[in-house]
Amino acid sequence: MSCHARQGRACLQSGRGRRAVRVQSERPRAATGTIATTRPPRPGEVDGQDYHFRSEAEFKQMVREGRMLEHAHVFGNFYGSPRGPVEEAIAQGCDVLFDVDWQGAQQVRNSPLKDSVLSIFLLPPSITELRRRLEERAKDATEVIEKRMEKSWDEISHWDAYDYVLVNDDLDATEAQLKTIVSAERMRRPQQPGLLDHVRRLQTEFEESL
């Protein structure tokens, strides 16, 4: 992974309209924040790639030692973002992408990384479509889907706490919008530390041309 001499961003993606949307950078400056969880691996999932699978005792120890950037107890399992790799990546100028709920996003916004946070909330086009997507992905038992639907409005109700809000009615269009947001944020003046030196060189060149 190639990173740049700039401050990275913690890009938070939340909401009930996610449906496997991912921001894949056109440039090699983005890393995905791999989540730690106490839930058992699903078929085909790889430890350290899909999730960091930990026992409940190991997870709680990481929380006590301050090694979690954010964490939450969701539908009977713990989920959290290990702090060290995130801070290291951001310091190296990489953007770190998270797929977290509103509680996790709030914790990251209140963390020492708060000045580096860019938050994006994805709304579903309808509640009916939200249920269809949960059932279509066939990853959860019926009772888990029902619990997710019961809590869906609690998640949606926090939409106005985010920097950007998108309605995910078309997967390809939403991914394109997410890439546009991240690319635009990278062009903000504070995200380009080399600009001052460039302007000084322009000034020197201008003065020497007089």
N, C-alpha and C. Protein backbone atom coordinates (compact mmCIF):
# COMPACT_ATOMS: atom_id res chain seq x y z
N MET A 1 0.85 -1.19 0.00
CA MET A 1 0.00 0.00 0.00
C MET A 1 0.88 1.24 0.00
N SER A 2 0.66 2.13 -0.89
CA SER A 2 1.41 3.36 -0.98
C SER A 2 0.64 4.51 -0.36
N CYS A 3 1.28 5.22 0.58
CA CYS A 3 0.62 6.33 1.24
C CYS A 3 1.40 7.61 0.96
N HIS A 4 0.77 8.74 1.31
CA HIS A 4 1.32 10.03 0.93
C HIS A 4 1.62 10.88 2.14
N ALA A 5 2.43 11.92 1.95
CA ALA A 5 2.80 12.83 3.03
C ALA A 5 1.63 13.77 3.32
N ARG A 6 0.62 13.25 3.93
CA ARG A 6 -0.58 13.99 4.27
C ARG A 6 -1.22 13.31 5.46
N GLN A 7 -2.10 14.00 6.13
CA GLN A 7 -2.86 13.38 7.20
C GLN A 7 -3.96 12.54 6.61
N GLY A 8 -4.04 11.27 7.00
CA GLY A 8 -5.10 10.41 6.50
C GLY A 8 -6.43 10.76 7.13
N ARG A 9 -7.49 10.11 6.65
CA ARG A 9 -8.83 10.34 7.18
C ARG A 9 -9.42 9.02 7.66
N ALA A 10 -10.22 9.09 8.73
CA ALA A 10 -11.01 7.96 9.16
C ALA A 10 -12.39 8.12 8.53
N CYS A 11 -12.67 7.37 7.48
CA CYS A 11 -13.92 7.51 6.72
C CYS A 11 -14.96 6.53 7.26
N LEU A 12 -15.99 7.08 7.90
CA LEU A 12 -17.00 6.27 8.55
C LEU A 12 -18.22 6.11 7.66
N GLN A 13 -18.61 4.86 7.40
CA GLN A 13 -19.79 4.56 6.60
C GLN A 13 -20.81 3.88 7.50
N SER A 14 -21.95 4.52 7.70
CA SER A 14 -22.99 3.97 8.57
C SER A 14 -24.33 3.99 7.87
N GLY A 15 -25.34 3.38 8.53
CA GLY A 15 -26.70 3.47 8.01
C GLY A 15 -27.32 2.12 7.74
N ARG A 16 -28.58 2.16 7.35
CA ARG A 16 -29.32 0.94 7.05
C ARG A 16 -29.50 0.76 5.55
N GLY A 17 -28.66 1.43 4.75
CA GLY A 17 -28.77 1.25 3.31
C GLY A 17 -27.47 0.79 2.70
N ARG A 18 -26.60 0.17 3.52
CA ARG A 18 -25.24 -0.09 3.06
C ARG A 18 -25.18 -1.13 1.95
N ARG A 19 -25.77 -2.27 2.18
CA ARG A 19 -25.82 -3.34 1.17
C ARG A 19 -24.48 -3.53 0.43
N ALA A 20 -23.45 -3.81 1.22
CA ALA A 20 -22.14 -4.16 0.67
C ALA A 20 -21.48 -3.06 -0.15
N VAL A 21 -21.87 -1.81 0.07
CA VAL A 21 -21.19 -0.71 -0.62
C VAL A 21 -19.80 -0.55 -0.02
N ARG A 22 -18.81 -0.42 -0.86
CA ARG A 22 -17.44 -0.20 -0.40
C ARG A 22 -16.81 0.91 -1.22
N VAL A 23 -15.99 1.75 -0.58
CA VAL A 23 -15.24 2.75 -1.32
C VAL A 23 -13.89 2.14 -1.66
N GLN A 24 -13.67 1.84 -2.91
CA GLN A 24 -12.37 1.35 -3.35
C GLN A 24 -11.65 2.49 -4.06
N SER A 25 -10.53 2.88 -3.50
CA SER A 25 -9.82 4.05 -3.99
C SER A 25 -9.28 3.85 -5.40
N GLU A 26 -9.37 4.89 -6.21
CA GLU A 26 -8.74 4.86 -7.54
C GLU A 26 -7.22 4.97 -7.40
N ARG A 27 -6.79 5.53 -6.26
CA ARG A 27 -5.36 5.62 -5.97
C ARG A 27 -5.07 4.77 -4.73
N PRO A 28 -3.84 4.24 -4.60
CA PRO A 28 -3.54 3.32 -3.49
C PRO A 28 -3.33 4.06 -2.17
N ARG A 29 -4.38 4.74 -1.71
CA ARG A 29 -4.25 5.50 -0.48
C ARG A 29 -5.32 5.15 0.54
N ALA A 30 -6.03 4.06 0.31
CA ALA A 30 -7.10 3.68 1.23
C ALA A 30 -6.88 2.27 1.77
N ALA A 31 -7.17 2.12 3.05
CA ALA A 31 -7.12 0.81 3.68
C ALA A 31 -8.45 0.58 4.37
N THR A 32 -8.85 -0.68 4.49
CA THR A 32 -10.09 -0.98 5.17
C THR A 32 -9.79 -1.32 6.62
N GLY A 33 -10.50 -0.67 7.54
CA GLY A 33 -10.31 -0.97 8.95
C GLY A 33 -10.96 -2.31 9.27
N THR A 34 -10.14 -3.35 9.48
CA THR A 34 -10.67 -4.67 9.76
C THR A 34 -11.22 -4.72 11.17
N ILE A 35 -12.46 -5.16 11.30
CA ILE A 35 -13.16 -5.17 12.57
C ILE A 35 -12.84 -6.44 13.36
N ALA A 36 -12.73 -6.30 14.67
CA ALA A 36 -12.61 -7.46 15.55
C ALA A 36 -14.00 -7.83 16.05
N THR A 37 -14.27 -9.11 16.18
CA THR A 37 -15.59 -9.55 16.64
C THR A 37 -15.48 -10.84 17.44
N THR A 38 -16.47 -11.05 18.29
CA THR A 38 -16.54 -12.29 19.07
C THR A 38 -17.46 -13.31 18.42
N ARG A 39 -18.13 -12.95 17.32
CA ARG A 39 -19.02 -13.92 16.70
C ARG A 39 -18.21 -14.98 15.95
N PRO A 40 -18.75 -16.17 15.79
CA PRO A 40 -18.04 -17.23 15.07
C PRO A 40 -17.91 -16.87 13.59
N PRO A 41 -16.84 -17.32 12.95
CA PRO A 41 -16.69 -17.07 11.50
C PRO A 41 -17.79 -17.75 10.70
N ARG A 42 -18.26 -17.06 9.66
CA ARG A 42 -19.19 -17.68 8.73
C ARG A 42 -18.38 -18.49 7.71
N PRO A 43 -19.01 -19.41 7.01
CA PRO A 43 -18.29 -20.20 6.00
C PRO A 43 -17.57 -19.29 4.99
N GLY A 44 -16.29 -19.55 4.79
CA GLY A 44 -15.51 -18.79 3.81
C GLY A 44 -14.81 -17.57 4.39
N GLU A 45 -15.15 -17.16 5.61
CA GLU A 45 -14.50 -15.99 6.21
C GLU A 45 -13.12 -16.36 6.74
N VAL A 46 -12.18 -15.42 6.59
CA VAL A 46 -10.79 -15.67 6.97
C VAL A 46 -10.39 -14.71 8.08
N ASP A 47 -9.81 -15.25 9.15
CA ASP A 47 -9.36 -14.42 10.27
C ASP A 47 -8.27 -13.46 9.81
N GLY A 48 -8.43 -12.18 10.16
CA GLY A 48 -7.45 -11.17 9.78
C GLY A 48 -7.72 -10.55 8.43
N GLN A 49 -8.63 -11.14 7.68
CA GLN A 49 -8.99 -10.61 6.36
C GLN A 49 -10.43 -10.06 6.38
N ASP A 50 -11.37 -10.92 6.75
CA ASP A 50 -12.76 -10.47 6.86
C ASP A 50 -13.00 -9.79 8.21
N TYR A 51 -12.54 -10.45 9.25
CA TYR A 51 -12.62 -9.94 10.62
C TYR A 51 -11.42 -10.45 11.41
N HIS A 52 -11.16 -9.82 12.55
CA HIS A 52 -10.27 -10.39 13.54
C HIS A 52 -11.18 -11.14 14.52
N PHE A 53 -11.19 -12.45 14.48
CA PHE A 53 -12.07 -13.22 15.34
C PHE A 53 -11.39 -13.44 16.69
N ARG A 54 -12.07 -12.99 17.76
CA ARG A 54 -11.50 -13.06 19.11
C ARG A 54 -12.52 -13.67 20.07
N SER A 55 -12.01 -14.28 21.13
CA SER A 55 -12.90 -14.75 22.18
C SER A 55 -13.42 -13.54 22.95
N GLU A 56 -14.49 -13.71 23.70
CA GLU A 56 -15.04 -12.60 24.46
C GLU A 56 -14.04 -12.09 25.48
N ALA A 57 -13.28 -13.01 26.10
CA ALA A 57 -12.27 -12.61 27.09
C ALA A 57 -11.17 -11.77 26.43
N GLU A 58 -10.71 -12.19 25.25
CA GLU A 58 -9.68 -11.44 24.53
C GLU A 58 -10.18 -10.06 24.13
N PHE A 59 -11.43 -10.01 23.65
CA PHE A 59 -12.01 -8.74 23.21
C PHE A 59 -12.11 -7.77 24.39
N LYS A 60 -12.63 -8.23 25.51
CA LYS A 60 -12.80 -7.36 26.67
C LYS A 60 -11.46 -6.88 27.21
N GLN A 61 -10.43 -7.71 27.09
CA GLN A 61 -9.10 -7.29 27.52
C GLN A 61 -8.58 -6.16 26.63
N MET A 62 -8.83 -6.25 25.33
CA MET A 62 -8.42 -5.19 24.41
C MET A 62 -9.12 -3.88 24.76
N VAL A 63 -10.40 -3.95 25.14
CA VAL A 63 -11.14 -2.76 25.53
C VAL A 63 -10.55 -2.16 26.80
N ARG A 64 -10.29 -3.01 27.81
CA ARG A 64 -9.72 -2.52 29.07
C ARG A 64 -8.37 -1.86 28.88
N GLU A 65 -7.59 -2.37 27.95
CA GLU A 65 -6.25 -1.84 27.71
C GLU A 65 -6.25 -0.64 26.76
N GLY A 66 -7.44 -0.20 26.33
CA GLY A 66 -7.53 0.97 25.45
C GLY A 66 -7.09 0.70 24.04
N ARG A 67 -7.16 -0.56 23.61
CA ARG A 67 -6.69 -0.93 22.27
C ARG A 67 -7.81 -0.97 21.23
N MET A 68 -9.00 -0.49 21.63
CA MET A 68 -10.13 -0.41 20.70
C MET A 68 -10.47 1.05 20.44
N LEU A 69 -10.53 1.42 19.19
CA LEU A 69 -10.93 2.77 18.82
C LEU A 69 -12.42 2.97 19.06
N GLU A 70 -13.19 1.95 18.78
CA GLU A 70 -14.63 1.95 19.04
C GLU A 70 -15.06 0.50 19.21
N HIS A 71 -16.17 0.31 19.95
CA HIS A 71 -16.68 -1.04 20.12
C HIS A 71 -18.15 -0.97 20.51
N ALA A 72 -18.87 -2.07 20.26
CA ALA A 72 -20.28 -2.13 20.60
C ALA A 72 -20.71 -3.59 20.73
N HIS A 73 -21.78 -3.79 21.47
CA HIS A 73 -22.39 -5.11 21.60
C HIS A 73 -23.63 -5.13 20.73
N VAL A 74 -23.60 -5.95 19.68
CA VAL A 74 -24.67 -5.94 18.68
C VAL A 74 -25.19 -7.35 18.47
N PHE A 75 -26.48 -7.55 18.73
CA PHE A 75 -27.15 -8.83 18.49
C PHE A 75 -26.39 -10.01 19.10
N GLY A 76 -25.94 -9.82 20.34
CA GLY A 76 -25.32 -10.91 21.08
C GLY A 76 -23.83 -11.07 20.90
N ASN A 77 -23.21 -10.23 20.07
CA ASN A 77 -21.76 -10.32 19.85
C ASN A 77 -21.10 -8.95 19.97
N PHE A 78 -19.81 -8.95 20.30
CA PHE A 78 -19.06 -7.70 20.38
C PHE A 78 -18.36 -7.44 19.03
N TYR A 79 -18.34 -6.17 18.64
CA TYR A 79 -17.63 -5.73 17.43
C TYR A 79 -16.81 -4.51 17.80
N GLY A 80 -15.63 -4.35 17.20
CA GLY A 80 -14.81 -3.18 17.50
C GLY A 80 -13.67 -3.01 16.52
N SER A 81 -13.09 -1.81 16.51
CA SER A 81 -11.99 -1.49 15.60
C SER A 81 -10.69 -1.35 16.38
N PRO A 82 -9.73 -2.26 16.18
CA PRO A 82 -8.44 -2.14 16.85
C PRO A 82 -7.79 -0.79 16.56
N ARG A 83 -7.30 -0.13 17.59
CA ARG A 83 -6.86 1.25 17.50
C ARG A 83 -5.50 1.42 16.81
N GLY A 84 -4.53 0.56 17.16
CA GLY A 84 -3.16 0.73 16.69
C GLY A 84 -3.01 0.82 15.19
N PRO A 85 -3.52 -0.17 14.43
CA PRO A 85 -3.36 -0.14 12.97
C PRO A 85 -4.00 1.09 12.33
N VAL A 86 -5.12 1.57 12.91
CA VAL A 86 -5.80 2.74 12.36
C VAL A 86 -4.95 3.99 12.54
N GLU A 87 -4.44 4.20 13.74
CA GLU A 87 -3.62 5.39 14.01
C GLU A 87 -2.35 5.38 13.16
N GLU A 88 -1.75 4.21 13.00
CA GLU A 88 -0.53 4.09 12.19
C GLU A 88 -0.81 4.43 10.73
N ALA A 89 -1.91 3.90 10.19
CA ALA A 89 -2.24 4.14 8.79
C ALA A 89 -2.52 5.62 8.54
N ILE A 90 -3.28 6.26 9.43
CA ILE A 90 -3.61 7.67 9.27
C ILE A 90 -2.36 8.54 9.37
N ALA A 91 -1.46 8.20 10.28
CA ALA A 91 -0.21 8.95 10.42
C ALA A 91 0.64 8.86 9.16
N GLN A 92 0.50 7.74 8.43
CA GLN A 92 1.26 7.54 7.19
C GLN A 92 0.58 8.18 5.99
N GLY A 93 -0.58 8.82 6.22
CA GLY A 93 -1.27 9.49 5.12
C GLY A 93 -2.29 8.64 4.41
N CYS A 94 -2.66 7.51 4.99
CA CYS A 94 -3.67 6.64 4.37
C CYS A 94 -5.06 6.98 4.90
N ASP A 95 -6.06 6.82 4.06
CA ASP A 95 -7.45 6.90 4.50
C ASP A 95 -7.87 5.51 4.96
N VAL A 96 -8.54 5.44 6.10
CA VAL A 96 -9.01 4.16 6.63
C VAL A 96 -10.53 4.14 6.57
N LEU A 97 -11.09 3.14 5.93
CA LEU A 97 -12.53 3.05 5.70
C LEU A 97 -13.19 2.13 6.72
N PHE A 98 -14.25 2.60 7.35
CA PHE A 98 -14.98 1.83 8.35
C PHE A 98 -16.42 1.63 7.93
N ASP A 99 -16.97 0.47 8.26
CA ASP A 99 -18.39 0.19 8.10
C ASP A 99 -18.92 -0.05 9.50
N VAL A 100 -19.42 1.01 10.16
CA VAL A 100 -19.81 0.93 11.56
C VAL A 100 -21.22 1.48 11.77
N ASP A 101 -21.84 1.11 12.90
CA ASP A 101 -23.15 1.67 13.21
C ASP A 101 -22.97 3.05 13.84
N TRP A 102 -24.09 3.70 14.19
CA TRP A 102 -24.02 5.08 14.68
C TRP A 102 -23.26 5.18 16.00
N GLN A 103 -23.33 4.12 16.83
CA GLN A 103 -22.61 4.15 18.09
C GLN A 103 -21.10 4.14 17.87
N GLY A 104 -20.67 3.27 16.94
CA GLY A 104 -19.25 3.21 16.63
C GLY A 104 -18.76 4.51 16.02
N ALA A 105 -19.57 5.10 15.13
CA ALA A 105 -19.20 6.36 14.50
C ALA A 105 -19.07 7.46 15.55
N GLN A 106 -19.98 7.48 16.52
CA GLN A 106 -19.93 8.49 17.58
C GLN A 106 -18.67 8.35 18.42
N GLN A 107 -18.29 7.12 18.72
CA GLN A 107 -17.08 6.89 19.50
C GLN A 107 -15.84 7.37 18.76
N VAL A 108 -15.77 7.10 17.46
CA VAL A 108 -14.61 7.55 16.68
C VAL A 108 -14.57 9.08 16.61
N ARG A 109 -15.76 9.71 16.45
CA ARG A 109 -15.81 11.17 16.40
C ARG A 109 -15.38 11.80 17.72
N ASN A 110 -15.53 11.06 18.81
CA ASN A 110 -15.14 11.57 20.13
C ASN A 110 -13.75 11.12 20.55
N SER A 111 -13.06 10.43 19.67
CA SER A 111 -11.73 9.90 19.98
C SER A 111 -10.65 10.92 19.62
N PRO A 112 -9.37 10.64 19.93
CA PRO A 112 -8.29 11.54 19.53
C PRO A 112 -8.19 11.75 18.01
N LEU A 113 -8.85 10.90 17.24
CA LEU A 113 -8.82 11.02 15.78
C LEU A 113 -9.94 11.91 15.24
N LYS A 114 -10.68 12.59 16.12
CA LYS A 114 -11.88 13.31 15.70
C LYS A 114 -11.63 14.32 14.59
N ASP A 115 -10.44 14.94 14.56
CA ASP A 115 -10.17 15.93 13.51
C ASP A 115 -9.91 15.28 12.16
N SER A 116 -9.77 13.97 12.14
CA SER A 116 -9.49 13.26 10.89
C SER A 116 -10.71 12.52 10.36
N VAL A 117 -11.86 12.70 11.00
CA VAL A 117 -13.04 11.90 10.67
C VAL A 117 -13.86 12.52 9.53
N LEU A 118 -14.24 11.69 8.58
CA LEU A 118 -15.20 12.03 7.53
C LEU A 118 -16.31 11.00 7.63
N SER A 119 -17.55 11.44 7.88
CA SER A 119 -18.64 10.50 8.09
C SER A 119 -19.68 10.57 6.98
N ILE A 120 -20.15 9.38 6.56
CA ILE A 120 -21.12 9.26 5.48
C ILE A 120 -22.22 8.30 5.92
N PHE A 121 -23.47 8.74 5.82
CA PHE A 121 -24.60 7.89 6.21
C PHE A 121 -25.36 7.46 4.96
N LEU A 122 -25.67 6.17 4.88
CA LEU A 122 -26.41 5.63 3.74
C LEU A 122 -27.81 5.25 4.17
N LEU A 123 -28.80 5.88 3.57
CA LEU A 123 -30.21 5.57 3.84
C LEU A 123 -30.73 4.55 2.83
N PRO A 124 -31.62 3.65 3.24
CA PRO A 124 -32.25 2.75 2.28
C PRO A 124 -33.32 3.52 1.51
N PRO A 125 -33.67 3.08 0.32
CA PRO A 125 -34.73 3.75 -0.44
C PRO A 125 -36.10 3.57 0.21
N SER A 126 -36.28 2.47 0.95
CA SER A 126 -37.54 2.22 1.65
C SER A 126 -37.30 1.15 2.71
N ILE A 127 -38.22 1.05 3.68
CA ILE A 127 -38.13 0.01 4.69
C ILE A 127 -38.37 -1.37 4.07
N THR A 128 -39.27 -1.42 3.10
CA THR A 128 -39.53 -2.69 2.40
C THR A 128 -38.28 -3.20 1.71
N GLU A 129 -37.55 -2.28 1.05
CA GLU A 129 -36.32 -2.67 0.36
C GLU A 129 -35.24 -3.07 1.35
N LEU A 130 -35.21 -2.42 2.50
CA LEU A 130 -34.24 -2.79 3.53
C LEU A 130 -34.43 -4.24 3.95
N ARG A 131 -35.69 -4.63 4.22
CA ARG A 131 -35.97 -6.01 4.60
C ARG A 131 -35.58 -6.98 3.48
N ARG A 132 -35.91 -6.62 2.26
CA ARG A 132 -35.59 -7.49 1.13
C ARG A 132 -34.09 -7.73 1.03
N ARG A 133 -33.30 -6.68 1.23
CA ARG A 133 -31.85 -6.81 1.13
C ARG A 133 -31.30 -7.70 2.24
N LEU A 134 -31.84 -7.54 3.45
CA LEU A 134 -31.39 -8.38 4.56
C LEU A 134 -31.70 -9.84 4.29
N GLU A 135 -32.87 -10.11 3.76
CA GLU A 135 -33.26 -11.49 3.47
C GLU A 135 -32.48 -12.04 2.28
N GLU A 136 -32.21 -11.19 1.29
CA GLU A 136 -31.53 -11.63 0.07
C GLU A 136 -30.09 -12.04 0.33
N ARG A 137 -29.41 -11.35 1.25
CA ARG A 137 -28.00 -11.68 1.48
C ARG A 137 -27.83 -13.02 2.19
N ALA A 138 -28.90 -13.51 2.86
CA ALA A 138 -28.94 -14.87 3.44
C ALA A 138 -27.76 -15.16 4.36
N LYS A 139 -27.39 -14.17 5.16
CA LYS A 139 -26.28 -14.36 6.09
C LYS A 139 -26.76 -14.53 7.53
N ASP A 140 -27.99 -14.12 7.82
CA ASP A 140 -28.50 -14.13 9.18
C ASP A 140 -29.73 -15.01 9.31
N ALA A 141 -29.91 -15.56 10.51
CA ALA A 141 -31.11 -16.33 10.80
C ALA A 141 -32.31 -15.38 10.83
N THR A 142 -33.51 -15.95 10.70
CA THR A 142 -34.73 -15.14 10.65
C THR A 142 -34.88 -14.26 11.88
N GLU A 143 -34.56 -14.81 13.06
CA GLU A 143 -34.70 -14.01 14.28
C GLU A 143 -33.74 -12.84 14.32
N VAL A 144 -32.56 -13.01 13.74
CA VAL A 144 -31.58 -11.91 13.69
C VAL A 144 -32.08 -10.82 12.74
N ILE A 145 -32.64 -11.24 11.61
CA ILE A 145 -33.19 -10.26 10.66
C ILE A 145 -34.30 -9.45 11.32
N GLU A 146 -35.15 -10.14 12.10
CA GLU A 146 -36.23 -9.43 12.78
C GLU A 146 -35.68 -8.43 13.79
N LYS A 147 -34.63 -8.80 14.50
CA LYS A 147 -34.01 -7.88 15.46
C LYS A 147 -33.41 -6.68 14.73
N ARG A 148 -32.79 -6.93 13.58
CA ARG A 148 -32.21 -5.83 12.81
C ARG A 148 -33.31 -4.87 12.33
N MET A 149 -34.43 -5.42 11.90
CA MET A 149 -35.53 -4.57 11.45
C MET A 149 -36.12 -3.77 12.60
N GLU A 150 -36.22 -4.39 13.78
CA GLU A 150 -36.75 -3.69 14.95
C GLU A 150 -35.88 -2.49 15.33
N LYS A 151 -34.57 -2.63 15.14
CA LYS A 151 -33.64 -1.58 15.52
C LYS A 151 -33.29 -0.63 14.36
N SER A 152 -33.87 -0.89 13.19
CA SER A 152 -33.49 -0.11 12.01
C SER A 152 -33.78 1.37 12.16
N TRP A 153 -34.92 1.71 12.76
CA TRP A 153 -35.24 3.14 12.87
C TRP A 153 -34.31 3.84 13.86
N ASP A 154 -33.88 3.12 14.90
CA ASP A 154 -32.93 3.70 15.85
C ASP A 154 -31.66 4.12 15.12
N GLU A 155 -31.22 3.30 14.17
CA GLU A 155 -30.04 3.63 13.37
C GLU A 155 -30.34 4.79 12.42
N ILE A 156 -31.44 4.70 11.68
CA ILE A 156 -31.79 5.72 10.70
C ILE A 156 -31.96 7.09 11.34
N SER A 157 -32.46 7.13 12.57
CA SER A 157 -32.76 8.40 13.24
C SER A 157 -31.52 9.25 13.51
N HIS A 158 -30.34 8.67 13.34
CA HIS A 158 -29.10 9.43 13.57
C HIS A 158 -28.49 9.97 12.28
N TRP A 159 -29.24 9.97 11.21
CA TRP A 159 -28.72 10.36 9.90
C TRP A 159 -28.17 11.79 9.90
N ASP A 160 -28.78 12.69 10.71
CA ASP A 160 -28.40 14.10 10.62
C ASP A 160 -27.14 14.44 11.41
N ALA A 161 -26.46 13.42 11.96
CA ALA A 161 -25.21 13.66 12.67
C ALA A 161 -23.99 13.46 11.77
N TYR A 162 -24.24 13.21 10.47
CA TYR A 162 -23.15 12.86 9.56
C TYR A 162 -22.83 14.00 8.60
N ASP A 163 -21.60 13.97 8.08
CA ASP A 163 -21.16 15.01 7.14
C ASP A 163 -21.90 14.92 5.81
N TYR A 164 -22.09 13.69 5.33
CA TYR A 164 -22.76 13.45 4.05
C TYR A 164 -23.83 12.38 4.25
N VAL A 165 -24.93 12.50 3.50
CA VAL A 165 -26.01 11.51 3.56
C VAL A 165 -26.41 11.15 2.13
N LEU A 166 -26.44 9.85 1.83
CA LEU A 166 -26.82 9.37 0.50
C LEU A 166 -27.96 8.37 0.62
N VAL A 167 -28.82 8.35 -0.37
CA VAL A 167 -29.87 7.33 -0.46
C VAL A 167 -29.35 6.23 -1.38
N ASN A 168 -29.15 5.05 -0.84
CA ASN A 168 -28.55 3.95 -1.60
C ASN A 168 -29.63 3.17 -2.36
N ASP A 169 -30.17 3.81 -3.41
CA ASP A 169 -31.18 3.12 -4.22
C ASP A 169 -30.57 2.42 -5.43
N ASP A 170 -29.30 2.73 -5.73
CA ASP A 170 -28.60 2.07 -6.82
C ASP A 170 -27.15 1.86 -6.39
N LEU A 171 -26.72 0.61 -6.31
CA LEU A 171 -25.41 0.29 -5.75
C LEU A 171 -24.27 0.97 -6.49
N ASP A 172 -24.27 0.88 -7.83
CA ASP A 172 -23.19 1.46 -8.62
C ASP A 172 -23.14 2.98 -8.48
N ALA A 173 -24.32 3.61 -8.51
CA ALA A 173 -24.37 5.06 -8.39
C ALA A 173 -23.89 5.52 -7.02
N THR A 174 -24.27 4.78 -5.99
CA THR A 174 -23.86 5.14 -4.62
C THR A 174 -22.36 4.98 -4.45
N GLU A 175 -21.79 3.92 -5.00
CA GLU A 175 -20.33 3.74 -4.91
C GLU A 175 -19.61 4.89 -5.62
N ALA A 176 -20.14 5.32 -6.76
CA ALA A 176 -19.54 6.44 -7.49
C ALA A 176 -19.62 7.72 -6.66
N GLN A 177 -20.75 7.94 -5.98
CA GLN A 177 -20.89 9.13 -5.14
C GLN A 177 -19.93 9.09 -3.96
N LEU A 178 -19.76 7.91 -3.37
CA LEU A 178 -18.84 7.77 -2.25
C LEU A 178 -17.40 8.09 -2.68
N LYS A 179 -17.01 7.58 -3.85
CA LYS A 179 -15.66 7.86 -4.36
C LYS A 179 -15.47 9.35 -4.60
N THR A 180 -16.52 10.01 -5.12
CA THR A 180 -16.45 11.45 -5.37
C THR A 180 -16.25 12.21 -4.07
N ILE A 181 -16.98 11.83 -3.03
CA ILE A 181 -16.85 12.50 -1.73
C ILE A 181 -15.44 12.35 -1.18
N VAL A 182 -14.93 11.12 -1.18
CA VAL A 182 -13.60 10.88 -0.63
C VAL A 182 -12.54 11.62 -1.44
N SER A 183 -12.65 11.59 -2.77
CA SER A 183 -11.68 12.29 -3.62
C SER A 183 -11.71 13.80 -3.37
N ALA A 184 -12.92 14.36 -3.23
CA ALA A 184 -13.04 15.80 -2.97
C ALA A 184 -12.44 16.17 -1.62
N GLU A 185 -12.68 15.34 -0.62
CA GLU A 185 -12.14 15.63 0.70
C GLU A 185 -10.61 15.61 0.70
N ARG A 186 -10.02 14.79 -0.16
CA ARG A 186 -8.56 14.74 -0.25
C ARG A 186 -7.98 16.02 -0.84
N MET A 187 -8.81 16.78 -1.54
CA MET A 187 -8.33 18.01 -2.17
C MET A 187 -8.46 19.23 -1.25
N ARG A 188 -9.05 19.06 -0.07
CA ARG A 188 -9.13 20.19 0.86
C ARG A 188 -7.73 20.67 1.21
N ARG A 189 -7.58 21.97 1.38
CA ARG A 189 -6.25 22.56 1.61
C ARG A 189 -5.50 21.90 2.77
N PRO A 190 -6.14 21.64 3.94
CA PRO A 190 -5.39 21.01 5.03
C PRO A 190 -4.90 19.61 4.71
N GLN A 191 -5.50 18.97 3.71
CA GLN A 191 -5.10 17.63 3.33
C GLN A 191 -3.96 17.61 2.31
N GLN A 192 -3.48 18.77 1.92
CA GLN A 192 -2.38 18.86 0.96
C GLN A 192 -1.22 19.66 1.56
N PRO A 193 -0.44 19.02 2.42
CA PRO A 193 0.63 19.73 3.13
C PRO A 193 1.73 20.28 2.21
N GLY A 194 1.84 19.76 0.99
CA GLY A 194 2.88 20.23 0.09
C GLY A 194 2.53 21.52 -0.64
N LEU A 195 1.31 22.03 -0.46
CA LEU A 195 0.89 23.22 -1.19
C LEU A 195 1.71 24.46 -0.81
N LEU A 196 2.01 24.61 0.48
CA LEU A 196 2.73 25.81 0.92
C LEU A 196 4.11 25.88 0.26
N ASP A 197 4.83 24.78 0.21
CA ASP A 197 6.14 24.76 -0.44
C ASP A 197 6.00 25.07 -1.92
N HIS A 198 4.95 24.54 -2.55
CA HIS A 198 4.75 24.81 -3.96
C HIS A 198 4.51 26.30 -4.22
N VAL A 199 3.67 26.92 -3.40
CA VAL A 199 3.38 28.35 -3.56
C VAL A 199 4.64 29.18 -3.32
N ARG A 200 5.45 28.78 -2.37
CA ARG A 200 6.71 29.50 -2.12
C ARG A 200 7.64 29.41 -3.32
N ARG A 201 7.68 28.25 -3.96
CA ARG A 201 8.50 28.11 -5.17
C ARG A 201 7.97 29.00 -6.28
N LEU A 202 6.63 29.06 -6.39
CA LEU A 202 6.04 29.95 -7.39
C LEU A 202 6.40 31.40 -7.11
N GLN A 203 6.37 31.78 -5.83
CA GLN A 203 6.72 33.15 -5.46
C GLN A 203 8.16 33.47 -5.81
N THR A 204 9.05 32.53 -5.50
CA THR A 204 10.46 32.74 -5.82
C THR A 204 10.66 32.87 -7.31
N GLU A 205 10.03 31.99 -8.08
CA GLU A 205 10.14 32.04 -9.53
C GLU A 205 9.60 33.36 -10.07
N PHE A 206 8.48 33.81 -9.51
CA PHE A 206 7.89 35.08 -9.96
C PHE A 206 8.82 36.25 -9.68
N GLU A 207 9.38 36.30 -8.47
CA GLU A 207 10.24 37.41 -8.11
C GLU A 207 11.52 37.42 -8.93
N GLU A 208 12.04 36.24 -9.27
CA GLU A 208 13.26 36.17 -10.07
C GLU A 208 13.02 36.55 -11.52
N SER A 209 11.75 36.48 -11.94
CA SER A 209 11.43 36.81 -13.33
C SER A 209 11.25 38.33 -13.56
N LEU A 210 11.19 39.08 -12.44
CA LEU A 210 10.98 40.53 -12.58
C LEU A 210 12.24 41.23 -13.05
